[in-house]
Amino acid sequence: SGEADVVVTDGFTGNVCLKLAEGMVSMLFDELRGAARSSVRA
């Protein structure tokens, strides 16, 4: 959100958060790509 410049956590939690974010970004763009090909208007 930009509310902090440094966010601290333990390595287990941080790694899970980071990989979840990477997976969400990948899934989001896959979904957008699929939706954009679903019709002529899309």
PDB file of all heavy atoms in Angstrom:
ATOM      1  N   SER A   1       0.802  -1.229   0.000  1.00  0.00           N
ATOM      2  CA  SER A   1       0.000   0.000   0.000  1.00  0.00           C
ATOM      3  C   SER A   1       0.835   1.279   0.000  1.00  0.00           C
ATOM      4  O   SER A   1       0.312   2.362  -0.247  1.00  0.00           O
ATOM      5  CB  SER A   1      -0.915   0.009   1.229  1.00  0.00           C
ATOM      6  OG  SER A   1      -0.133   0.107   2.424  1.00  0.00           O
ATOM      7  N   GLY A   2       2.127   1.163   0.304  1.00  0.00           N
ATOM      8  CA  GLY A   2       2.965   2.353   0.400  1.00  0.00           C
ATOM      9  C   GLY A   2       2.938   3.004   1.771  1.00  0.00           C
ATOM     10  O   GLY A   2       3.474   4.099   1.950  1.00  0.00           O
ATOM     11  N   GLU A   3       2.350   2.319   2.759  1.00  0.00           N
ATOM     12  CA  GLU A   3       2.269   2.878   4.112  1.00  0.00           C
ATOM     13  C   GLU A   3       3.586   2.746   4.873  1.00  0.00           C
ATOM     14  O   GLU A   3       3.751   3.349   5.931  1.00  0.00           O
ATOM     15  CB  GLU A   3       1.152   2.195   4.896  1.00  0.00           C
ATOM     16  CG  GLU A   3      -0.228   2.436   4.317  1.00  0.00           C
ATOM     17  CD  GLU A   3      -1.316   1.684   5.058  1.00  0.00           C
ATOM     18  OE1 GLU A   3      -1.155   1.438   6.278  1.00  0.00           O
ATOM     19  OE2 GLU A   3      -2.328   1.324   4.427  1.00  0.00           O
ATOM     20  N   ALA A   4       4.494   1.931   4.382  1.00  0.00           N
ATOM     21  CA  ALA A   4       5.807   1.749   5.017  1.00  0.00           C
ATOM     22  C   ALA A   4       6.857   1.564   3.938  1.00  0.00           C
ATOM     23  O   ALA A   4       6.554   1.164   2.806  1.00  0.00           O
ATOM     24  CB  ALA A   4       5.786   0.548   5.956  1.00  0.00           C
ATOM     25  N   ASP A   5       8.099   1.880   4.285  1.00  0.00           N
ATOM     26  CA  ASP A   5       9.221   1.702   3.365  1.00  0.00           C
ATOM     27  C   ASP A   5       9.954   0.395   3.627  1.00  0.00           C
ATOM     28  O   ASP A   5      10.598  -0.147   2.742  1.00  0.00           O
ATOM     29  CB  ASP A   5      10.204   2.877   3.507  1.00  0.00           C
ATOM     30  CG  ASP A   5       9.532   4.215   3.278  1.00  0.00           C
ATOM     31  OD1 ASP A   5       8.999   4.416   2.178  1.00  0.00           O
ATOM     32  OD2 ASP A   5       9.535   5.040   4.210  1.00  0.00           O
ATOM     33  N   VAL A   6       9.863  -0.092   4.859  1.00  0.00           N
ATOM     34  CA  VAL A   6      10.483  -1.356   5.264  1.00  0.00           C
ATOM     35  C   VAL A   6       9.450  -2.137   6.063  1.00  0.00           C
ATOM     36  O   VAL A   6       8.839  -1.603   6.993  1.00  0.00           O
ATOM     37  CB  VAL A   6      11.731  -1.123   6.141  1.00  0.00           C
ATOM     38  CG1 VAL A   6      12.333  -2.455   6.586  1.00  0.00           C
ATOM     39  CG2 VAL A   6      12.769  -0.290   5.405  1.00  0.00           C
ATOM     40  N   VAL A   7       9.223  -3.398   5.683  1.00  0.00           N
ATOM     41  CA  VAL A   7       8.302  -4.258   6.425  1.00  0.00           C
ATOM     42  C   VAL A   7       9.075  -5.488   6.879  1.00  0.00           C
ATOM     43  O   VAL A   7       9.723  -6.162   6.081  1.00  0.00           O
ATOM     44  CB  VAL A   7       7.088  -4.678   5.577  1.00  0.00           C
ATOM     45  CG1 VAL A   7       6.167  -5.584   6.387  1.00  0.00           C
ATOM     46  CG2 VAL A   7       6.324  -3.448   5.089  1.00  0.00           C
ATOM     47  N   VAL A   8       8.992  -5.771   8.183  1.00  0.00           N
ATOM     48  CA  VAL A   8       9.806  -6.817   8.802  1.00  0.00           C
ATOM     49  C   VAL A   8       8.946  -8.003   9.203  1.00  0.00           C
ATOM     50  O   VAL A   8       7.837  -7.840   9.729  1.00  0.00           O
ATOM     51  CB  VAL A   8      10.537  -6.255  10.042  1.00  0.00           C
ATOM     52  CG1 VAL A   8      11.327  -7.342  10.747  1.00  0.00           C
ATOM     53  CG2 VAL A   8      11.460  -5.105   9.639  1.00  0.00           C
ATOM     54  N   THR A   9       9.479  -9.209   8.965  1.00  0.00           N
ATOM     55  CA  THR A   9       8.848 -10.442   9.424  1.00  0.00           C
ATOM     56  C   THR A   9       9.907 -11.535   9.496  1.00  0.00           C
ATOM     57  O   THR A   9      11.074 -11.299   9.154  1.00  0.00           O
ATOM     58  CB  THR A   9       7.695 -10.847   8.493  1.00  0.00           C
ATOM     59  OG1 THR A   9       6.973 -11.940   9.082  1.00  0.00           O
ATOM     60  CG2 THR A   9       8.209 -11.288   7.133  1.00  0.00           C
ATOM     61  N   ASP A  10       9.517 -12.737   9.939  1.00  0.00           N
ATOM     62  CA  ASP A  10      10.459 -13.854   9.952  1.00  0.00           C
ATOM     63  C   ASP A  10      10.541 -14.464   8.557  1.00  0.00           C
ATOM     64  O   ASP A  10       9.662 -14.251   7.707  1.00  0.00           O
ATOM     65  CB  ASP A  10      10.005 -14.913  10.961  1.00  0.00           C
ATOM     66  CG  ASP A  10       8.651 -15.505  10.597  1.00  0.00           C
ATOM     67  OD1 ASP A  10       7.624 -14.895  10.973  1.00  0.00           O
ATOM     68  OD2 ASP A  10       8.620 -16.549   9.925  1.00  0.00           O
ATOM     69  N   GLY A  11      11.588 -15.240   8.306  1.00  0.00           N
ATOM     70  CA  GLY A  11      11.846 -15.761   6.969  1.00  0.00           C
ATOM     71  C   GLY A  11      10.804 -16.736   6.465  1.00  0.00           C
ATOM     72  O   GLY A  11      10.551 -16.800   5.256  1.00  0.00           O
ATOM     73  N   PHE A  12      10.177 -17.495   7.347  1.00  0.00           N
ATOM     74  CA  PHE A  12       9.141 -18.433   6.927  1.00  0.00           C
ATOM     75  C   PHE A  12       7.925 -17.679   6.411  1.00  0.00           C
ATOM     76  O   PHE A  12       7.439 -17.915   5.304  1.00  0.00           O
ATOM     77  CB  PHE A  12       8.745 -19.340   8.098  1.00  0.00           C
ATOM     78  CG  PHE A  12       7.683 -20.349   7.748  1.00  0.00           C
ATOM     79  CD1 PHE A  12       8.017 -21.586   7.217  1.00  0.00           C
ATOM     80  CD2 PHE A  12       6.338 -20.056   7.944  1.00  0.00           C
ATOM     81  CE1 PHE A  12       7.046 -22.512   6.884  1.00  0.00           C
ATOM     82  CE2 PHE A  12       5.357 -20.975   7.610  1.00  0.00           C
ATOM     83  CZ  PHE A  12       5.714 -22.206   7.084  1.00  0.00           C
ATOM     84  N   THR A  13       7.439 -16.738   7.215  1.00  0.00           N
ATOM     85  CA  THR A  13       6.274 -15.951   6.822  1.00  0.00           C
ATOM     86  C   THR A  13       6.561 -15.129   5.576  1.00  0.00           C
ATOM     87  O   THR A  13       5.748 -15.056   4.658  1.00  0.00           O
ATOM     88  CB  THR A  13       5.856 -15.014   7.966  1.00  0.00           C
ATOM     89  OG1 THR A  13       5.638 -15.779   9.147  1.00  0.00           O
ATOM     90  CG2 THR A  13       4.593 -14.250   7.616  1.00  0.00           C
ATOM     91  N   GLY A  14       7.751 -14.524   5.539  1.00  0.00           N
ATOM     92  CA  GLY A  14       8.111 -13.680   4.404  1.00  0.00           C
ATOM     93  C   GLY A  14       8.189 -14.456   3.109  1.00  0.00           C
ATOM     94  O   GLY A  14       7.746 -13.980   2.050  1.00  0.00           O
ATOM     95  N   ASN A  15       8.756 -15.655   3.159  1.00  0.00           N
ATOM     96  CA  ASN A  15       8.874 -16.464   1.954  1.00  0.00           C
ATOM     97  C   ASN A  15       7.506 -16.904   1.446  1.00  0.00           C
ATOM     98  O   ASN A  15       7.241 -16.878   0.233  1.00  0.00           O
ATOM     99  CB  ASN A  15       9.760 -17.684   2.224  1.00  0.00           C
ATOM    100  CG  ASN A  15      10.144 -18.412   0.964  1.00  0.00           C
ATOM    101  OD1 ASN A  15       9.471 -19.346   0.551  1.00  0.00           O
ATOM    102  ND2 ASN A  15      11.221 -17.978   0.335  1.00  0.00           N
ATOM    103  N   VAL A  16       6.618 -17.294   2.366  1.00  0.00           N
ATOM    104  CA  VAL A  16       5.267 -17.683   1.966  1.00  0.00           C
ATOM    105  C   VAL A  16       4.537 -16.505   1.327  1.00  0.00           C
ATOM    106  O   VAL A  16       3.896 -16.644   0.277  1.00  0.00           O
ATOM    107  CB  VAL A  16       4.478 -18.214   3.179  1.00  0.00           C
ATOM    108  CG1 VAL A  16       3.004 -18.395   2.822  1.00  0.00           C
ATOM    109  CG2 VAL A  16       5.058 -19.525   3.669  1.00  0.00           C
ATOM    110  N   CYS A  17       4.641 -15.315   1.943  1.00  0.00           N
ATOM    111  CA  CYS A  17       3.986 -14.115   1.401  1.00  0.00           C
ATOM    112  C   CYS A  17       4.510 -13.784   0.010  1.00  0.00           C
ATOM    113  O   CYS A  17       3.737 -13.471  -0.909  1.00  0.00           O
ATOM    114  CB  CYS A  17       4.212 -12.924   2.328  1.00  0.00           C
ATOM    115  SG  CYS A  17       3.290 -12.966   3.859  1.00  0.00           S
ATOM    116  N   LEU A  18       5.819 -13.847  -0.150  1.00  0.00           N
ATOM    117  CA  LEU A  18       6.436 -13.489  -1.426  1.00  0.00           C
ATOM    118  C   LEU A  18       5.991 -14.436  -2.537  1.00  0.00           C
ATOM    119  O   LEU A  18       5.617 -14.000  -3.630  1.00  0.00           O
ATOM    120  CB  LEU A  18       7.958 -13.505  -1.290  1.00  0.00           C
ATOM    121  CG  LEU A  18       8.757 -13.080  -2.525  1.00  0.00           C
ATOM    122  CD1 LEU A  18       8.490 -11.619  -2.853  1.00  0.00           C
ATOM    123  CD2 LEU A  18      10.247 -13.306  -2.297  1.00  0.00           C
ATOM    124  N   LYS A  19       6.008 -15.736  -2.255  1.00  0.00           N
ATOM    125  CA  LYS A  19       5.629 -16.700  -3.289  1.00  0.00           C
ATOM    126  C   LYS A  19       4.129 -16.680  -3.560  1.00  0.00           C
ATOM    127  O   LYS A  19       3.696 -16.933  -4.695  1.00  0.00           O
ATOM    128  CB  LYS A  19       6.115 -18.090  -2.894  1.00  0.00           C
ATOM    129  CG  LYS A  19       7.632 -18.192  -2.990  1.00  0.00           C
ATOM    130  CD  LYS A  19       8.182 -19.543  -2.612  1.00  0.00           C
ATOM    131  CE  LYS A  19       9.693 -19.562  -2.794  1.00  0.00           C
ATOM    132  NZ  LYS A  19      10.308 -20.817  -2.333  1.00  0.00           N
ATOM    133  N   LEU A  20       3.335 -16.362  -2.547  1.00  0.00           N
ATOM    134  CA  LEU A  20       1.904 -16.192  -2.769  1.00  0.00           C
ATOM    135  C   LEU A  20       1.658 -15.008  -3.701  1.00  0.00           C
ATOM    136  O   LEU A  20       0.839 -15.085  -4.626  1.00  0.00           O
ATOM    137  CB  LEU A  20       1.177 -15.974  -1.440  1.00  0.00           C
ATOM    138  CG  LEU A  20      -0.315 -15.651  -1.534  1.00  0.00           C
ATOM    139  CD1 LEU A  20      -1.070 -16.802  -2.171  1.00  0.00           C
ATOM    140  CD2 LEU A  20      -0.883 -15.323  -0.155  1.00  0.00           C
ATOM    141  N   ALA A  21       2.380 -13.907  -3.467  1.00  0.00           N
ATOM    142  CA  ALA A  21       2.223 -12.731  -4.313  1.00  0.00           C
ATOM    143  C   ALA A  21       2.620 -13.032  -5.757  1.00  0.00           C
ATOM    144  O   ALA A  21       1.939 -12.630  -6.705  1.00  0.00           O
ATOM    145  CB  ALA A  21       3.056 -11.575  -3.760  1.00  0.00           C
ATOM    146  N   GLU A  22       3.739 -13.758  -5.928  1.00  0.00           N
ATOM    147  CA  GLU A  22       4.178 -14.128  -7.274  1.00  0.00           C
ATOM    148  C   GLU A  22       3.129 -14.981  -7.970  1.00  0.00           C
ATOM    149  O   GLU A  22       2.822 -14.779  -9.152  1.00  0.00           O
ATOM    150  CB  GLU A  22       5.507 -14.898  -7.203  1.00  0.00           C
ATOM    151  CG  GLU A  22       6.701 -14.053  -6.827  1.00  0.00           C
ATOM    152  CD  GLU A  22       7.972 -14.888  -6.708  1.00  0.00           C
ATOM    153  OE1 GLU A  22       7.888 -16.130  -6.852  1.00  0.00           O
ATOM    154  OE2 GLU A  22       9.040 -14.313  -6.464  1.00  0.00           O
ATOM    155  N   GLY A  23       2.551 -15.944  -7.233  1.00  0.00           N
ATOM    156  CA  GLY A  23       1.526 -16.804  -7.804  1.00  0.00           C
ATOM    157  C   GLY A  23       0.259 -16.044  -8.158  1.00  0.00           C
ATOM    158  O   GLY A  23      -0.363 -16.302  -9.206  1.00  0.00           O
ATOM    159  N   MET A  24      -0.122 -15.088  -7.307  1.00  0.00           N
ATOM    160  CA  MET A  24      -1.321 -14.297  -7.574  1.00  0.00           C
ATOM    161  C   MET A  24      -1.150 -13.430  -8.818  1.00  0.00           C
ATOM    162  O   MET A  24      -2.068 -13.296  -9.628  1.00  0.00           O
ATOM    163  CB  MET A  24      -1.637 -13.418  -6.357  1.00  0.00           C
ATOM    164  CG  MET A  24      -2.176 -14.177  -5.168  1.00  0.00           C
ATOM    165  SD  MET A  24      -3.789 -14.938  -5.489  1.00  0.00           S
ATOM    166  CE  MET A  24      -4.815 -13.480  -5.631  1.00  0.00           C
ATOM    167  N   VAL A  25       0.021 -12.821  -8.960  1.00  0.00           N
ATOM    168  CA  VAL A  25       0.286 -11.994 -10.142  1.00  0.00           C
ATOM    169  C   VAL A  25       0.212 -12.838 -11.402  1.00  0.00           C
ATOM    170  O   VAL A  25      -0.407 -12.452 -12.402  1.00  0.00           O
ATOM    171  CB  VAL A  25       1.671 -11.311 -10.029  1.00  0.00           C
ATOM    172  CG1 VAL A  25       2.063 -10.674 -11.363  1.00  0.00           C
ATOM    173  CG2 VAL A  25       1.655 -10.263  -8.926  1.00  0.00           C
ATOM    174  N   SER A  26       0.839 -14.016 -11.374  1.00  0.00           N
ATOM    175  CA  SER A  26       0.821 -14.908 -12.527  1.00  0.00           C
ATOM    176  C   SER A  26      -0.595 -15.341 -12.867  1.00  0.00           C
ATOM    177  O   SER A  26      -1.006 -15.329 -14.044  1.00  0.00           O
ATOM    178  CB  SER A  26       1.694 -16.125 -12.240  1.00  0.00           C
ATOM    179  OG  SER A  26       1.686 -17.028 -13.328  1.00  0.00           O
ATOM    180  N   MET A  27      -1.381 -15.717 -11.844  1.00  0.00           N
ATOM    181  CA  MET A  27      -2.749 -16.145 -12.069  1.00  0.00           C
ATOM    182  C   MET A  27      -3.602 -15.009 -12.615  1.00  0.00           C
ATOM    183  O   MET A  27      -4.417 -15.188 -13.529  1.00  0.00           O
ATOM    184  CB  MET A  27      -3.360 -16.661 -10.775  1.00  0.00           C
ATOM    185  CG  MET A  27      -4.750 -17.245 -10.945  1.00  0.00           C
ATOM    186  SD  MET A  27      -5.681 -17.330  -9.393  1.00  0.00           S
ATOM    187  CE  MET A  27      -6.081 -15.606  -9.135  1.00  0.00           C
ATOM    188  N   LEU A  28      -3.428 -13.810 -12.069  1.00  0.00           N
ATOM    189  CA  LEU A  28      -4.205 -12.650 -12.496  1.00  0.00           C
ATOM    190  C   LEU A  28      -4.022 -12.384 -13.986  1.00  0.00           C
ATOM    191  O   LEU A  28      -5.001 -12.195 -14.724  1.00  0.00           O
ATOM    192  CB  LEU A  28      -3.794 -11.421 -11.679  1.00  0.00           C
ATOM    193  CG  LEU A  28      -4.390 -10.082 -12.119  1.00  0.00           C
ATOM    194  CD1 LEU A  28      -5.909 -10.105 -11.975  1.00  0.00           C
ATOM    195  CD2 LEU A  28      -3.792  -8.932 -11.309  1.00  0.00           C
ATOM    196  N   PHE A  29      -2.778 -12.391 -14.441  1.00  0.00           N
ATOM    197  CA  PHE A  29      -2.532 -12.098 -15.846  1.00  0.00           C
ATOM    198  C   PHE A  29      -2.957 -13.256 -16.752  1.00  0.00           C
ATOM    199  O   PHE A  29      -3.371 -13.029 -17.895  1.00  0.00           O
ATOM    200  CB  PHE A  29      -1.071 -11.722 -16.063  1.00  0.00           C
ATOM    201  CG  PHE A  29      -0.790 -10.288 -15.721  1.00  0.00           C
ATOM    202  CD1 PHE A  29      -0.323  -9.941 -14.463  1.00  0.00           C
ATOM    203  CD2 PHE A  29      -1.017  -9.282 -16.639  1.00  0.00           C
ATOM    204  CE1 PHE A  29      -0.090  -8.623 -14.133  1.00  0.00           C
ATOM    205  CE2 PHE A  29      -0.791  -7.962 -16.320  1.00  0.00           C
ATOM    206  CZ  PHE A  29      -0.324  -7.616 -15.065  1.00  0.00           C
ATOM    207  N   ASP A  30      -2.890 -14.471 -16.243  1.00  0.00           N
ATOM    208  CA  ASP A  30      -3.428 -15.598 -17.011  1.00  0.00           C
ATOM    209  C   ASP A  30      -4.937 -15.456 -17.183  1.00  0.00           C
ATOM    210  O   ASP A  30      -5.482 -15.715 -18.273  1.00  0.00           O
ATOM    211  CB  ASP A  30      -3.104 -16.920 -16.310  1.00  0.00           C
ATOM    212  CG  ASP A  30      -1.648 -17.323 -16.464  1.00  0.00           C
ATOM    213  OD1 ASP A  30      -0.959 -16.751 -17.340  1.00  0.00           O
ATOM    214  OD2 ASP A  30      -1.195 -18.192 -15.695  1.00  0.00           O
ATOM    215  N   GLU A  31      -5.619 -15.045 -16.113  1.00  0.00           N
ATOM    216  CA  GLU A  31      -7.063 -14.854 -16.185  1.00  0.00           C
ATOM    217  C   GLU A  31      -7.414 -13.718 -17.132  1.00  0.00           C
ATOM    218  O   GLU A  31      -8.369 -13.805 -17.916  1.00  0.00           O
ATOM    219  CB  GLU A  31      -7.623 -14.569 -14.786  1.00  0.00           C
ATOM    220  CG  GLU A  31      -7.609 -15.753 -13.843  1.00  0.00           C
ATOM    221  CD  GLU A  31      -8.603 -16.819 -14.254  1.00  0.00           C
ATOM    222  OE1 GLU A  31      -9.714 -16.466 -14.686  1.00  0.00           O
ATOM    223  OE2 GLU A  31      -8.262 -18.015 -14.160  1.00  0.00           O
ATOM    224  N   LEU A  32      -6.671 -12.621 -17.066  1.00  0.00           N
ATOM    225  CA  LEU A  32      -6.926 -11.489 -17.955  1.00  0.00           C
ATOM    226  C   LEU A  32      -6.694 -11.878 -19.413  1.00  0.00           C
ATOM    227  O   LEU A  32      -7.451 -11.479 -20.302  1.00  0.00           O
ATOM    228  CB  LEU A  32      -6.015 -10.311 -17.577  1.00  0.00           C
ATOM    229  CG  LEU A  32      -6.353  -9.572 -16.279  1.00  0.00           C
ATOM    230  CD1 LEU A  32      -5.253  -8.573 -15.942  1.00  0.00           C
ATOM    231  CD2 LEU A  32      -7.700  -8.856 -16.407  1.00  0.00           C
ATOM    232  N   ARG A  33      -5.646 -12.665 -19.645  1.00  0.00           N
ATOM    233  CA  ARG A  33      -5.346 -13.105 -21.003  1.00  0.00           C
ATOM    234  C   ARG A  33      -6.480 -13.975 -21.541  1.00  0.00           C
ATOM    235  O   ARG A  33      -6.910 -13.826 -22.689  1.00  0.00           O
ATOM    236  CB  ARG A  33      -4.024 -13.874 -21.026  1.00  0.00           C
ATOM    237  CG  ARG A  33      -3.525 -14.195 -22.429  1.00  0.00           C
ATOM    238  CD  ARG A  33      -2.222 -14.971 -22.383  1.00  0.00           C
ATOM    239  NE  ARG A  33      -1.148 -14.201 -21.766  1.00  0.00           N
ATOM    240  CZ  ARG A  33      -0.626 -14.456 -20.579  1.00  0.00           C
ATOM    241  NH1 ARG A  33      -1.078 -15.484 -19.860  1.00  0.00           N
ATOM    242  NH2 ARG A  33       0.341 -13.723 -20.093  1.00  0.00           N
ATOM    243  N   GLY A  34      -6.979 -14.881 -20.703  1.00  0.00           N
ATOM    244  CA  GLY A  34      -8.078 -15.734 -21.122  1.00  0.00           C
ATOM    245  C   GLY A  34      -9.352 -14.957 -21.385  1.00  0.00           C
ATOM    246  O   GLY A  34     -10.064 -15.203 -22.368  1.00  0.00           O
ATOM    247  N   ALA A  35      -9.640 -13.983 -20.492  1.00  0.00           N
ATOM    248  CA  ALA A  35     -10.839 -13.167 -20.659  1.00  0.00           C
ATOM    249  C   ALA A  35     -10.761 -12.313 -21.919  1.00  0.00           C
ATOM    250  O   ALA A  35     -11.769 -12.101 -22.610  1.00  0.00           O
ATOM    251  CB  ALA A  35     -11.033 -12.275 -19.432  1.00  0.00           C
ATOM    252  N   ALA A  36      -9.567 -11.814 -22.229  1.00  0.00           N
ATOM    253  CA  ALA A  36      -9.389 -10.949 -23.400  1.00  0.00           C
ATOM    254  C   ALA A  36      -9.574 -11.699 -24.714  1.00  0.00           C
ATOM    255  O   ALA A  36      -9.782 -11.087 -25.762  1.00  0.00           O
ATOM    256  CB  ALA A  36      -8.014 -10.301 -23.366  1.00  0.00           C
ATOM    257  N   ARG A  37      -9.518 -13.030 -24.673  1.00  0.00           N
ATOM    258  CA  ARG A  37      -9.670 -13.838 -25.884  1.00  0.00           C
ATOM    259  C   ARG A  37     -11.036 -14.508 -25.970  1.00  0.00           C
ATOM    260  O   ARG A  37     -11.283 -15.305 -26.867  1.00  0.00           O
ATOM    261  CB  ARG A  37      -8.579 -14.917 -25.924  1.00  0.00           C
ATOM    262  CG  ARG A  37      -7.163 -14.362 -26.033  1.00  0.00           C
ATOM    263  CD  ARG A  37      -6.137 -15.464 -25.820  1.00  0.00           C
ATOM    264  NE  ARG A  37      -4.769 -14.972 -25.968  1.00  0.00           N
ATOM    265  CZ  ARG A  37      -3.682 -15.670 -25.630  1.00  0.00           C
ATOM    266  NH1 ARG A  37      -3.810 -16.887 -25.123  1.00  0.00           N
ATOM    267  NH2 ARG A  37      -2.472 -15.149 -25.787  1.00  0.00           N
ATOM    268  N   SER A  38     -11.912 -14.185 -25.026  1.00  0.00           N
ATOM    269  CA  SER A  38     -13.174 -14.911 -24.915  1.00  0.00           C
ATOM    270  C   SER A  38     -14.223 -14.500 -25.936  1.00  0.00           C
ATOM    271  O   SER A  38     -15.172 -15.255 -26.184  1.00  0.00           O
ATOM    272  CB  SER A  38     -13.739 -14.746 -23.501  1.00  0.00           C
ATOM    273  OG  SER A  38     -13.999 -13.375 -23.237  1.00  0.00           O
ATOM    274  N   SER A  39     -14.103 -13.323 -26.529  1.00  0.00           N
ATOM    275  CA  SER A  39     -15.070 -12.861 -27.526  1.00  0.00           C
ATOM    276  C   SER A  39     -14.435 -11.780 -28.391  1.00  0.00           C
ATOM    277  O   SER A  39     -13.353 -11.273 -28.076  1.00  0.00           O
ATOM    278  CB  SER A  39     -16.321 -12.300 -26.844  1.00  0.00           C
ATOM    279  OG  SER A  39     -15.999 -11.109 -26.130  1.00  0.00           O
ATOM    280  N   VAL A  40     -15.134 -11.426 -29.478  1.00  0.00           N
ATOM    281  CA  VAL A  40     -14.620 -10.368 -30.356  1.00  0.00           C
ATOM    282  C   VAL A  40     -14.536  -9.048 -29.598  1.00  0.00           C
ATOM    283  O   VAL A  40     -13.558  -8.310 -29.696  1.00  0.00           O
ATOM    284  CB  VAL A  40     -15.526 -10.222 -31.605  1.00  0.00           C
ATOM    285  CG1 VAL A  40     -15.083  -9.018 -32.441  1.00  0.00           C
ATOM    286  CG2 VAL A  40     -15.486 -11.496 -32.439  1.00  0.00           C
ATOM    287  N   ARG A  41     -15.581  -8.734 -28.839  1.00  0.00           N
ATOM    288  CA  ARG A  41     -15.578  -7.490 -28.053  1.00  0.00           C
ATOM    289  C   ARG A  41     -14.433  -7.485 -27.039  1.00  0.00           C
ATOM    290  O   ARG A  41     -13.761  -6.476 -26.857  1.00  0.00           O
ATOM    291  CB  ARG A  41     -16.915  -7.338 -27.330  1.00  0.00           C
ATOM    292  CG  ARG A  41     -16.980  -6.081 -26.459  1.00  0.00           C
ATOM    293  CD  ARG A  41     -18.332  -5.963 -25.782  1.00  0.00           C
ATOM    294  NE  ARG A  41     -19.385  -5.725 -26.754  1.00  0.00           N
ATOM    295  CZ  ARG A  41     -20.670  -5.557 -26.409  1.00  0.00           C
ATOM    296  NH1 ARG A  41     -21.034  -5.619 -25.131  1.00  0.00           N
ATOM    297  NH2 ARG A  41     -21.574  -5.345 -27.341  1.00  0.00           N
ATOM    298  N   ALA A  42     -14.220  -8.633 -26.380  1.00  0.00           N
ATOM    299  CA  ALA A  42     -13.141  -8.723 -25.398  1.00  0.00           C
ATOM    300  C   ALA A  42     -11.777  -8.548 -26.064  1.00  0.00           C
ATOM    301  O   ALA A  42     -10.876  -7.915 -25.499  1.00  0.00           O
ATOM    302  CB  ALA A  42     -13.195 -10.061 -24.672  1.00  0.00           C
TER     303      ALA A  42
END
